[in-house]
Amino acid sequence: MICRIGTGVMCGRLQHLAEMANRPGIQIQVLPFTAGAHPAMAASFIILGFAAPDPDVAYLDTGTSGLFVEEASAVADYKLMFDHLRAAALGQGESATLLAAGTGPG
């Protein structure tokens, strides 16, 4: 398979994401550059969801360190930020098409 955006590691990652996008229980959405500025530009984050009674936690990756956020109101802010990111991102179908186009032949 020829990767149109380049070679090496990035092409392999895109191919893997394109394959995973078709699996049940996996949702991949691409946030295109055309979406403009968004609230997650400062640092990447992950929301870790746990079964009750354990509370959810947000993990921030600042590039040079990491931080676990446990305060319920702050975790709620990160969940809201994530909802805004999903709303600004391409839908699952459009994202899968974009990934396939970037990793397909030609």
PDB file of N, CA and C in Angstrom:
ATOM      1  N   MET A   1       0.843  -1.176   0.000  1.00  0.00           N
ATOM      2  CA  MET A   1       0.000   0.000   0.000  1.00  0.00           C
ATOM      3  C   MET A   1       0.888   1.239   0.000  1.00  0.00           C
ATOM      4  N   ILE A   2       0.613   2.177  -0.863  1.00  0.00           N
ATOM      5  CA  ILE A   2       1.381   3.414  -0.962  1.00  0.00           C
ATOM      6  C   ILE A   2       0.711   4.476  -0.092  1.00  0.00           C
ATOM      7  N   CYS A   3       1.495   5.170   0.681  1.00  0.00           N
ATOM      8  CA  CYS A   3       0.969   6.229   1.533  1.00  0.00           C
ATOM      9  C   CYS A   3       1.221   7.566   0.867  1.00  0.00           C
ATOM     10  N   ARG A   4       0.155   8.312   0.636  1.00  0.00           N
ATOM     11  CA  ARG A   4       0.275   9.580  -0.078  1.00  0.00           C
ATOM     12  C   ARG A   4       0.903  10.688   0.753  1.00  0.00           C
ATOM     13  N   ILE A   5       0.852  10.608   2.071  1.00  0.00           N
ATOM     14  CA  ILE A   5       1.347  11.727   2.863  1.00  0.00           C
ATOM     15  C   ILE A   5       2.811  11.585   3.240  1.00  0.00           C
ATOM     16  N   GLY A   6       3.430  10.498   2.940  1.00  0.00           N
ATOM     17  CA  GLY A   6       4.825  10.322   3.287  1.00  0.00           C
ATOM     18  C   GLY A   6       5.115   8.865   3.585  1.00  0.00           C
ATOM     19  N   THR A   7       6.278   8.626   4.130  1.00  0.00           N
ATOM     20  CA  THR A   7       6.686   7.261   4.416  1.00  0.00           C
ATOM     21  C   THR A   7       7.005   7.126   5.891  1.00  0.00           C
ATOM     22  N   GLY A   8       7.286   5.895   6.274  1.00  0.00           N
ATOM     23  CA  GLY A   8       7.769   5.643   7.621  1.00  0.00           C
ATOM     24  C   GLY A   8       6.678   5.505   8.659  1.00  0.00           C
ATOM     25  N   VAL A   9       7.001   5.956   9.837  1.00  0.00           N
ATOM     26  CA  VAL A   9       6.155   5.743  11.008  1.00  0.00           C
ATOM     27  C   VAL A   9       4.767   6.366  10.853  1.00  0.00           C
ATOM     28  N   MET A  10       4.692   7.589  10.356  1.00  0.00           N
ATOM     29  CA  MET A  10       3.395   8.259  10.248  1.00  0.00           C
ATOM     30  C   MET A  10       2.448   7.497   9.335  1.00  0.00           C
ATOM     31  N   CYS A  11       2.947   6.995   8.219  1.00  0.00           N
ATOM     32  CA  CYS A  11       2.114   6.230   7.296  1.00  0.00           C
ATOM     33  C   CYS A  11       1.574   4.984   7.990  1.00  0.00           C
ATOM     34  N   GLY A  12       2.432   4.294   8.733  1.00  0.00           N
ATOM     35  CA  GLY A  12       2.006   3.098   9.462  1.00  0.00           C
ATOM     36  C   GLY A  12       0.940   3.415  10.499  1.00  0.00           C
ATOM     37  N   ARG A  13       1.088   4.554  11.145  1.00  0.00           N
ATOM     38  CA  ARG A  13       0.086   4.952  12.148  1.00  0.00           C
ATOM     39  C   ARG A  13      -1.260   5.235  11.493  1.00  0.00           C
ATOM     40  N   LEU A  14      -1.230   5.942  10.370  1.00  0.00           N
ATOM     41  CA  LEU A  14      -2.481   6.236   9.667  1.00  0.00           C
ATOM     42  C   LEU A  14      -3.149   4.957   9.170  1.00  0.00           C
ATOM     43  N   GLN A  15      -2.365   4.031   8.657  1.00  0.00           N
ATOM     44  CA  GLN A  15      -2.919   2.764   8.196  1.00  0.00           C
ATOM     45  C   GLN A  15      -3.570   2.016   9.357  1.00  0.00           C
ATOM     46  N   HIS A  16      -2.890   2.010  10.491  1.00  0.00           N
ATOM     47  CA  HIS A  16      -3.443   1.335  11.666  1.00  0.00           C
ATOM     48  C   HIS A  16      -4.760   1.988  12.097  1.00  0.00           C
ATOM     49  N   LEU A  17      -4.808   3.307  12.146  1.00  0.00           N
ATOM     50  CA  LEU A  17      -6.043   3.998  12.516  1.00  0.00           C
ATOM     51  C   LEU A  17      -7.165   3.706  11.519  1.00  0.00           C
ATOM     52  N   ALA A  18      -6.836   3.684  10.229  1.00  0.00           N
ATOM     53  CA  ALA A  18      -7.844   3.384   9.207  1.00  0.00           C
ATOM     54  C   ALA A  18      -8.419   1.992   9.412  1.00  0.00           C
ATOM     55  N   GLU A  19      -7.582   1.028   9.772  1.00  0.00           N
ATOM     56  CA  GLU A  19      -8.064  -0.330  10.028  1.00  0.00           C
ATOM     57  C   GLU A  19      -8.905  -0.385  11.305  1.00  0.00           C
ATOM     58  N   MET A  20      -8.471   0.285  12.339  1.00  0.00           N
ATOM     59  CA  MET A  20      -9.177   0.265  13.625  1.00  0.00           C
ATOM     60  C   MET A  20     -10.530   0.968  13.536  1.00  0.00           C
ATOM     61  N   ALA A  21     -10.646   1.942  12.647  1.00  0.00           N
ATOM     62  CA  ALA A  21     -11.896   2.699  12.520  1.00  0.00           C
ATOM     63  C   ALA A  21     -13.066   1.811  12.115  1.00  0.00           C
ATOM     64  N   ASN A  22     -12.769   0.655  11.534  1.00  0.00           N
ATOM     65  CA  ASN A  22     -13.819  -0.258  11.100  1.00  0.00           C
ATOM     66  C   ASN A  22     -14.190  -1.300  12.147  1.00  0.00           C
ATOM     67  N   ARG A  23     -13.530  -1.306  13.267  1.00  0.00           N
ATOM     68  CA  ARG A  23     -13.818  -2.291  14.309  1.00  0.00           C
ATOM     69  C   ARG A  23     -14.973  -1.834  15.190  1.00  0.00           C
ATOM     70  N   PRO A  24     -15.761  -2.781  15.667  1.00  0.00           N
ATOM     71  CA  PRO A  24     -16.859  -2.410  16.569  1.00  0.00           C
ATOM     72  C   PRO A  24     -16.304  -1.872  17.890  1.00  0.00           C
ATOM     73  N   GLY A  25     -16.986  -0.885  18.430  1.00  0.00           N
ATOM     74  CA  GLY A  25     -16.613  -0.320  19.721  1.00  0.00           C
ATOM     75  C   GLY A  25     -15.506   0.714  19.648  1.00  0.00           C
ATOM     76  N   ILE A  26     -14.992   1.002  18.448  1.00  0.00           N
ATOM     77  CA  ILE A  26     -13.935   2.007  18.297  1.00  0.00           C
ATOM     78  C   ILE A  26     -14.490   3.168  17.486  1.00  0.00           C
ATOM     79  N   GLN A  27     -14.358   4.354  18.027  1.00  0.00           N
ATOM     80  CA  GLN A  27     -14.809   5.556  17.342  1.00  0.00           C
ATOM     81  C   GLN A  27     -13.615   6.473  17.137  1.00  0.00           C
ATOM     82  N   ILE A  28     -13.343   6.816  15.890  1.00  0.00           N
ATOM     83  CA  ILE A  28     -12.245   7.717  15.562  1.00  0.00           C
ATOM     84  C   ILE A  28     -12.827   8.913  14.833  1.00  0.00           C
ATOM     85  N   GLN A  29     -12.503  10.095  15.335  1.00  0.00           N
ATOM     86  CA  GLN A  29     -12.920  11.325  14.683  1.00  0.00           C
ATOM     87  C   GLN A  29     -11.692  12.200  14.498  1.00  0.00           C
ATOM     88  N   VAL A  30     -11.550  12.774  13.314  1.00  0.00           N
ATOM     89  CA  VAL A  30     -10.427  13.639  12.987  1.00  0.00           C
ATOM     90  C   VAL A  30     -10.852  15.087  13.175  1.00  0.00           C
ATOM     91  N   LEU A  31     -10.025  15.828  13.887  1.00  0.00           N
ATOM     92  CA  LEU A  31     -10.252  17.265  14.050  1.00  0.00           C
ATOM     93  C   LEU A  31      -9.363  17.966  13.022  1.00  0.00           C
ATOM     94  N   PRO A  32      -9.955  18.451  11.928  1.00  0.00           N
ATOM     95  CA  PRO A  32      -9.133  19.035  10.856  1.00  0.00           C
ATOM     96  C   PRO A  32      -8.604  20.415  11.246  1.00  0.00           C
ATOM     97  N   PHE A  33      -7.533  20.816  10.576  1.00  0.00           N
ATOM     98  CA  PHE A  33      -6.973  22.144  10.813  1.00  0.00           C
ATOM     99  C   PHE A  33      -8.000  23.236  10.537  1.00  0.00           C
ATOM    100  N   THR A  34      -8.928  22.962   9.625  1.00  0.00           N
ATOM    101  CA  THR A  34      -9.937  23.971   9.287  1.00  0.00           C
ATOM    102  C   THR A  34     -10.887  24.254  10.443  1.00  0.00           C
ATOM    103  N   ALA A  35     -10.878  23.419  11.486  1.00  0.00           N
ATOM    104  CA  ALA A  35     -11.711  23.675  12.669  1.00  0.00           C
ATOM    105  C   ALA A  35     -11.193  24.884  13.440  1.00  0.00           C
ATOM    106  N   GLY A  36      -9.957  25.268  13.188  1.00  0.00           N
ATOM    107  CA  GLY A  36      -9.394  26.450  13.839  1.00  0.00           C
ATOM    108  C   GLY A  36      -8.992  26.185  15.283  1.00  0.00           C
ATOM    109  N   ALA A  37      -8.868  27.268  16.012  1.00  0.00           N
ATOM    110  CA  ALA A  37      -8.445  27.188  17.409  1.00  0.00           C
ATOM    111  C   ALA A  37      -9.479  26.419  18.227  1.00  0.00           C
ATOM    112  N   HIS A  38      -8.989  25.657  19.180  1.00  0.00           N
ATOM    113  CA  HIS A  38      -9.880  24.886  20.042  1.00  0.00           C
ATOM    114  C   HIS A  38      -9.281  24.824  21.440  1.00  0.00           C
ATOM    115  N   PRO A  39     -10.079  24.489  22.436  1.00  0.00           N
ATOM    116  CA  PRO A  39      -9.613  24.567  23.823  1.00  0.00           C
ATOM    117  C   PRO A  39      -8.545  23.547  24.210  1.00  0.00           C
ATOM    118  N   ALA A  40      -8.281  22.553  23.402  1.00  0.00           N
ATOM    119  CA  ALA A  40      -7.284  21.540  23.762  1.00  0.00           C
ATOM    120  C   ALA A  40      -5.936  21.804  23.120  1.00  0.00           C
ATOM    121  N   MET A  41      -5.722  22.992  22.581  1.00  0.00           N
ATOM    122  CA  MET A  41      -4.469  23.287  21.910  1.00  0.00           C
ATOM    123  C   MET A  41      -3.308  23.421  22.895  1.00  0.00           C
ATOM    124  N   ALA A  42      -3.576  23.779  24.118  1.00  0.00           N
ATOM    125  CA  ALA A  42      -2.507  24.005  25.095  1.00  0.00           C
ATOM    126  C   ALA A  42      -1.840  22.705  25.537  1.00  0.00           C
ATOM    127  N   ALA A  43      -2.619  21.653  25.689  1.00  0.00           N
ATOM    128  CA  ALA A  43      -2.063  20.374  26.147  1.00  0.00           C
ATOM    129  C   ALA A  43      -3.036  19.257  25.786  1.00  0.00           C
ATOM    130  N   SER A  44      -2.488  18.084  25.543  1.00  0.00           N
ATOM    131  CA  SER A  44      -3.367  16.943  25.290  1.00  0.00           C
ATOM    132  C   SER A  44      -3.841  16.391  26.629  1.00  0.00           C
ATOM    133  N   PHE A  45      -4.990  15.736  26.591  1.00  0.00           N
ATOM    134  CA  PHE A  45      -5.524  15.192  27.827  1.00  0.00           C
ATOM    135  C   PHE A  45      -6.290  13.910  27.545  1.00  0.00           C
ATOM    136  N   ILE A  46      -6.431  13.119  28.589  1.00  0.00           N
ATOM    137  CA  ILE A  46      -7.172  11.864  28.535  1.00  0.00           C
ATOM    138  C   ILE A  46      -8.111  11.856  29.729  1.00  0.00           C
ATOM    139  N   ILE A  47      -9.332  11.410  29.523  1.00  0.00           N
ATOM    140  CA  ILE A  47     -10.265  11.249  30.638  1.00  0.00           C
ATOM    141  C   ILE A  47     -10.321   9.760  30.956  1.00  0.00           C
ATOM    142  N   LEU A  48      -9.975   9.430  32.164  1.00  0.00           N
ATOM    143  CA  LEU A  48      -9.982   8.041  32.611  1.00  0.00           C
ATOM    144  C   LEU A  48     -11.276   7.791  33.365  1.00  0.00           C
ATOM    145  N   GLY A  49     -12.123   6.938  32.815  1.00  0.00           N
ATOM    146  CA  GLY A  49     -13.407   6.632  33.438  1.00  0.00           C
ATOM    147  C   GLY A  49     -13.317   5.350  34.240  1.00  0.00           C
ATOM    148  N   PHE A  50     -13.821   5.390  35.448  1.00  0.00           N
ATOM    149  CA  PHE A  50     -13.783   4.239  36.335  1.00  0.00           C
ATOM    150  C   PHE A  50     -15.193   3.868  36.782  1.00  0.00           C
ATOM    151  N   ALA A  51     -15.372   2.612  37.141  1.00  0.00           N
ATOM    152  CA  ALA A  51     -16.657   2.149  37.659  1.00  0.00           C
ATOM    153  C   ALA A  51     -16.879   2.734  39.055  1.00  0.00           C
ATOM    154  N   ALA A  52     -18.127   2.988  39.378  1.00  0.00           N
ATOM    155  CA  ALA A  52     -18.473   3.515  40.701  1.00  0.00           C
ATOM    156  C   ALA A  52     -17.986   2.545  41.765  1.00  0.00           C
ATOM    157  N   PRO A  53     -17.536   2.999  42.863  1.00  0.00           N
ATOM    158  CA  PRO A  53     -17.615   4.363  43.382  1.00  0.00           C
ATOM    159  C   PRO A  53     -16.400   5.222  43.040  1.00  0.00           C
ATOM    160  N   ASP A  54     -15.450   4.706  42.255  1.00  0.00           N
ATOM    161  CA  ASP A  54     -14.250   5.480  41.943  1.00  0.00           C
ATOM    162  C   ASP A  54     -14.582   6.606  40.972  1.00  0.00           C
ATOM    163  N   PRO A  55     -14.104   7.806  41.243  1.00  0.00           N
ATOM    164  CA  PRO A  55     -14.410   8.946  40.368  1.00  0.00           C
ATOM    165  C   PRO A  55     -13.535   8.952  39.116  1.00  0.00           C
ATOM    166  N   ASP A  56     -14.027   9.591  38.064  1.00  0.00           N
ATOM    167  CA  ASP A  56     -13.245   9.769  36.850  1.00  0.00           C
ATOM    168  C   ASP A  56     -12.097  10.730  37.139  1.00  0.00           C
ATOM    169  N   VAL A  57     -11.041  10.615  36.328  1.00  0.00           N
ATOM    170  CA  VAL A  57      -9.843  11.435  36.491  1.00  0.00           C
ATOM    171  C   VAL A  57      -9.432  11.931  35.112  1.00  0.00           C
ATOM    172  N   ALA A  58      -8.898  13.143  35.045  1.00  0.00           N
ATOM    173  CA  ALA A  58      -8.325  13.654  33.802  1.00  0.00           C
ATOM    174  C   ALA A  58      -6.805  13.622  33.935  1.00  0.00           C
ATOM    175  N   TYR A  59      -6.139  13.201  32.851  1.00  0.00           N
ATOM    176  CA  TYR A  59      -4.679  13.202  32.825  1.00  0.00           C
ATOM    177  C   TYR A  59      -4.237  14.178  31.751  1.00  0.00           C
ATOM    178  N   LEU A  60      -3.394  15.134  32.114  1.00  0.00           N
ATOM    179  CA  LEU A  60      -2.890  16.126  31.172  1.00  0.00           C
ATOM    180  C   LEU A  60      -1.441  15.829  30.847  1.00  0.00           C
ATOM    181  N   ASP A  61      -1.124  15.844  29.555  1.00  0.00           N
ATOM    182  CA  ASP A  61       0.243  15.675  29.093  1.00  0.00           C
ATOM    183  C   ASP A  61       0.707  17.034  28.597  1.00  0.00           C
ATOM    184  N   THR A  62       1.633  17.639  29.313  1.00  0.00           N
ATOM    185  CA  THR A  62       2.080  18.987  28.962  1.00  0.00           C
ATOM    186  C   THR A  62       3.299  19.000  28.060  1.00  0.00           C
ATOM    187  N   GLY A  63       3.775  17.838  27.668  1.00  0.00           N
ATOM    188  CA  GLY A  63       4.956  17.764  26.821  1.00  0.00           C
ATOM    189  C   GLY A  63       6.222  17.529  27.622  1.00  0.00           C
ATOM    190  N   THR A  64       6.314  18.135  28.786  1.00  0.00           N
ATOM    191  CA  THR A  64       7.485  17.936  29.641  1.00  0.00           C
ATOM    192  C   THR A  64       7.133  17.227  30.943  1.00  0.00           C
ATOM    193  N   SER A  65       5.848  17.110  31.212  1.00  0.00           N
ATOM    194  CA  SER A  65       5.413  16.416  32.427  1.00  0.00           C
ATOM    195  C   SER A  65       3.954  16.014  32.275  1.00  0.00           C
ATOM    196  N   GLY A  66       3.440  15.323  33.272  1.00  0.00           N
ATOM    197  CA  GLY A  66       2.042  14.917  33.280  1.00  0.00           C
ATOM    198  C   GLY A  66       1.398  15.312  34.590  1.00  0.00           C
ATOM    199  N   LEU A  67       0.086  15.420  34.572  1.00  0.00           N
ATOM    200  CA  LEU A  67      -0.638  15.847  35.766  1.00  0.00           C
ATOM    201  C   LEU A  67      -1.974  15.114  35.820  1.00  0.00           C
ATOM    202  N   PHE A  68      -2.271  14.515  36.951  1.00  0.00           N
ATOM    203  CA  PHE A  68      -3.575  13.905  37.171  1.00  0.00           C
ATOM    204  C   PHE A  68      -4.477  14.931  37.839  1.00  0.00           C
ATOM    205  N   VAL A  69      -5.667  15.143  37.284  1.00  0.00           N
ATOM    206  CA  VAL A  69      -6.644  16.077  37.844  1.00  0.00           C
ATOM    207  C   VAL A  69      -7.779  15.253  38.423  1.00  0.00           C
ATOM    208  N   GLU A  70      -8.003  15.387  39.723  1.00  0.00           N
ATOM    209  CA  GLU A  70      -9.006  14.574  40.398  1.00  0.00           C
ATOM    210  C   GLU A  70     -10.217  15.359  40.871  1.00  0.00           C
ATOM    211  N   GLU A  71     -10.104  16.673  40.981  1.00  0.00           N
ATOM    212  CA  GLU A  71     -11.219  17.495  41.466  1.00  0.00           C
ATOM    213  C   GLU A  71     -12.405  17.361  40.499  1.00  0.00           C
ATOM    214  N   ALA A  72     -13.561  17.006  41.035  1.00  0.00           N
ATOM    215  CA  ALA A  72     -14.740  16.693  40.212  1.00  0.00           C
ATOM    216  C   ALA A  72     -15.109  17.826  39.256  1.00  0.00           C
ATOM    217  N   SER A  73     -15.059  19.076  39.728  1.00  0.00           N
ATOM    218  CA  SER A  73     -15.451  20.192  38.859  1.00  0.00           C
ATOM    219  C   SER A  73     -14.450  20.386  37.722  1.00  0.00           C
ATOM    220  N   ALA A  74     -13.168  20.149  37.983  1.00  0.00           N
ATOM    221  CA  ALA A  74     -12.157  20.273  36.931  1.00  0.00           C
ATOM    222  C   ALA A  74     -12.292  19.138  35.922  1.00  0.00           C
ATOM    223  N   VAL A  75     -12.560  17.925  36.394  1.00  0.00           N
ATOM    224  CA  VAL A  75     -12.773  16.789  35.485  1.00  0.00           C
ATOM    225  C   VAL A  75     -13.998  17.065  34.609  1.00  0.00           C
ATOM    226  N   ALA A  76     -15.036  17.647  35.191  1.00  0.00           N
ATOM    227  CA  ALA A  76     -16.234  18.005  34.420  1.00  0.00           C
ATOM    228  C   ALA A  76     -15.891  19.016  33.327  1.00  0.00           C
ATOM    229  N   ASP A  77     -14.987  19.947  33.618  1.00  0.00           N
ATOM    230  CA  ASP A  77     -14.553  20.911  32.603  1.00  0.00           C
ATOM    231  C   ASP A  77     -13.856  20.205  31.438  1.00  0.00           C
ATOM    232  N   TYR A  78     -13.031  19.210  31.741  1.00  0.00           N
ATOM    233  CA  TYR A  78     -12.349  18.470  30.680  1.00  0.00           C
ATOM    234  C   TYR A  78     -13.331  17.628  29.872  1.00  0.00           C
ATOM    235  N   LYS A  79     -14.350  17.088  30.529  1.00  0.00           N
ATOM    236  CA  LYS A  79     -15.378  16.344  29.798  1.00  0.00           C
ATOM    237  C   LYS A  79     -16.131  17.268  28.842  1.00  0.00           C
ATOM    238  N   LEU A  80     -16.425  18.471  29.294  1.00  0.00           N
ATOM    239  CA  LEU A  80     -17.095  19.451  28.438  1.00  0.00           C
ATOM    240  C   LEU A  80     -16.197  19.838  27.261  1.00  0.00           C
ATOM    241  N   MET A  81     -14.906  20.026  27.533  1.00  0.00           N
ATOM    242  CA  MET A  81     -13.956  20.344  26.473  1.00  0.00           C
ATOM    243  C   MET A  81     -13.919  19.221  25.443  1.00  0.00           C
ATOM    244  N   PHE A  82     -13.951  17.978  25.915  1.00  0.00           N
ATOM    245  CA  PHE A  82     -13.944  16.832  25.011  1.00  0.00           C
ATOM    246  C   PHE A  82     -15.203  16.811  24.153  1.00  0.00           C
ATOM    247  N   ASP A  83     -16.348  17.120  24.751  1.00  0.00           N
ATOM    248  CA  ASP A  83     -17.596  17.180  23.983  1.00  0.00           C
ATOM    249  C   ASP A  83     -17.515  18.238  22.886  1.00  0.00           C
ATOM    250  N   HIS A  84     -16.893  19.371  23.183  1.00  0.00           N
ATOM    251  CA  HIS A  84     -16.737  20.431  22.180  1.00  0.00           C
ATOM    252  C   HIS A  84     -15.796  19.985  21.055  1.00  0.00           C
ATOM    253  N   LEU A  85     -14.753  19.246  21.419  1.00  0.00           N
ATOM    254  CA  LEU A  85     -13.837  18.729  20.398  1.00  0.00           C
ATOM    255  C   LEU A  85     -14.552  17.747  19.472  1.00  0.00           C
ATOM    256  N   ARG A  86     -15.354  16.868  20.054  1.00  0.00           N
ATOM    257  CA  ARG A  86     -16.100  15.901  19.223  1.00  0.00           C
ATOM    258  C   ARG A  86     -17.063  16.616  18.297  1.00  0.00           C
ATOM    259  N   ALA A  87     -17.692  17.677  18.780  1.00  0.00           N
ATOM    260  CA  ALA A  87     -18.647  18.418  17.954  1.00  0.00           C
ATOM    261  C   ALA A  87     -17.945  19.137  16.798  1.00  0.00           C
ATOM    262  N   ALA A  88     -16.706  19.587  17.015  1.00  0.00           N
ATOM    263  CA  ALA A  88     -15.963  20.299  15.974  1.00  0.00           C
ATOM    264  C   ALA A  88     -15.297  19.347  14.989  1.00  0.00           C
ATOM    265  N   ALA A  89     -15.113  18.096  15.373  1.00  0.00           N
ATOM    266  CA  ALA A  89     -14.414  17.116  14.542  1.00  0.00           C
ATOM    267  C   ALA A  89     -15.320  16.597  13.431  1.00  0.00           C
ATOM    268  N   LEU A  90     -14.690  16.005  12.430  1.00  0.00           N
ATOM    269  CA  LEU A  90     -15.442  15.327  11.380  1.00  0.00           C
ATOM    270  C   LEU A  90     -16.188  14.145  11.985  1.00  0.00           C
ATOM    271  N   GLY A  91     -17.277  13.746  11.377  1.00  0.00           N
ATOM    272  CA  GLY A  91     -18.010  12.571  11.819  1.00  0.00           C
ATOM    273  C   GLY A  91     -17.185  11.315  11.594  1.00  0.00           C
ATOM    274  N   GLN A  92     -17.644  10.211  12.139  1.00  0.00           N
ATOM    275  CA  GLN A  92     -16.902   8.960  12.019  1.00  0.00           C
ATOM    276  C   GLN A  92     -16.714   8.539  10.562  1.00  0.00           C
ATOM    277  N   GLY A  93     -17.752   8.654   9.762  1.00  0.00           N
ATOM    278  CA  GLY A  93     -17.656   8.269   8.355  1.00  0.00           C
ATOM    279  C   GLY A  93     -16.677   9.137   7.591  1.00  0.00           C
ATOM    280  N   GLU A  94     -16.783  10.455   7.784  1.00  0.00           N
ATOM    281  CA  GLU A  94     -15.873  11.378   7.113  1.00  0.00           C
ATOM    282  C   GLU A  94     -14.428  11.149   7.565  1.00  0.00           C
ATOM    283  N   SER A  95     -14.250  10.885   8.855  1.00  0.00           N
ATOM    284  CA  SER A  95     -12.910  10.634   9.388  1.00  0.00           C
ATOM    285  C   SER A  95     -12.319   9.361   8.794  1.00  0.00           C
ATOM    286  N   ALA A  96     -13.119   8.302   8.711  1.00  0.00           N
ATOM    287  CA  ALA A  96     -12.648   7.043   8.126  1.00  0.00           C
ATOM    288  C   ALA A  96     -12.278   7.235   6.664  1.00  0.00           C
ATOM    289  N   THR A  97     -13.078   8.000   5.933  1.00  0.00           N
ATOM    290  CA  THR A  97     -12.787   8.276   4.527  1.00  0.00           C
ATOM    291  C   THR A  97     -11.482   9.049   4.391  1.00  0.00           C
ATOM    292  N   LEU A  98     -11.279  10.035   5.251  1.00  0.00           N
ATOM    293  CA  LEU A  98     -10.054  10.828   5.215  1.00  0.00           C
ATOM    294  C   LEU A  98      -8.836   9.964   5.523  1.00  0.00           C
ATOM    295  N   LEU A  99      -8.941   9.114   6.536  1.00  0.00           N
ATOM    296  CA  LEU A  99      -7.827   8.228   6.869  1.00  0.00           C
ATOM    297  C   LEU A  99      -7.522   7.265   5.724  1.00  0.00           C
ATOM    298  N   ALA A 100      -8.564   6.702   5.118  1.00  0.00           N
ATOM    299  CA  ALA A 100      -8.372   5.766   4.007  1.00  0.00           C
ATOM    300  C   ALA A 100      -7.754   6.474   2.806  1.00  0.00           C
ATOM    301  N   ALA A 101      -8.154   7.711   2.552  1.00  0.00           N
ATOM    302  CA  ALA A 101      -7.610   8.464   1.418  1.00  0.00           C
ATOM    303  C   ALA A 101      -6.131   8.770   1.630  1.00  0.00           C
ATOM    304  N   GLY A 102      -5.736   8.994   2.874  1.00  0.00           N
ATOM    305  CA  GLY A 102      -4.340   9.299   3.172  1.00  0.00           C
ATOM    306  C   GLY A 102      -3.440   8.088   3.145  1.00  0.00           C
ATOM    307  N   THR A 103      -4.023   6.893   3.201  1.00  0.00           N
ATOM    308  CA  THR A 103      -3.201   5.684   3.240  1.00  0.00           C
ATOM    309  C   THR A 103      -3.430   4.785   2.044  1.00  0.00           C
ATOM    310  N   GLY A 104      -4.300   5.188   1.148  1.00  0.00           N
ATOM    311  CA  GLY A 104      -4.631   4.342  -0.003  1.00  0.00           C
ATOM    312  C   GLY A 104      -3.630   4.437  -1.127  1.00  0.00           C
ATOM    313  N   PRO A 105      -3.832   3.631  -2.152  1.00  0.00           N
ATOM    314  CA  PRO A 105      -2.924   3.647  -3.301  1.00  0.00           C
ATOM    315  C   PRO A 105      -2.971   4.962  -4.056  1.00  0.00           C
ATOM    316  N   GLY A 106      -1.870   5.299  -4.672  1.00  0.00           N
ATOM    317  CA  GLY A 106      -1.838   6.435  -5.566  1.00  0.00           C
ATOM    318  C   GLY A 106      -1.279   7.640  -4.979  1.00  0.00           C
TER     319      GLY A 106
END
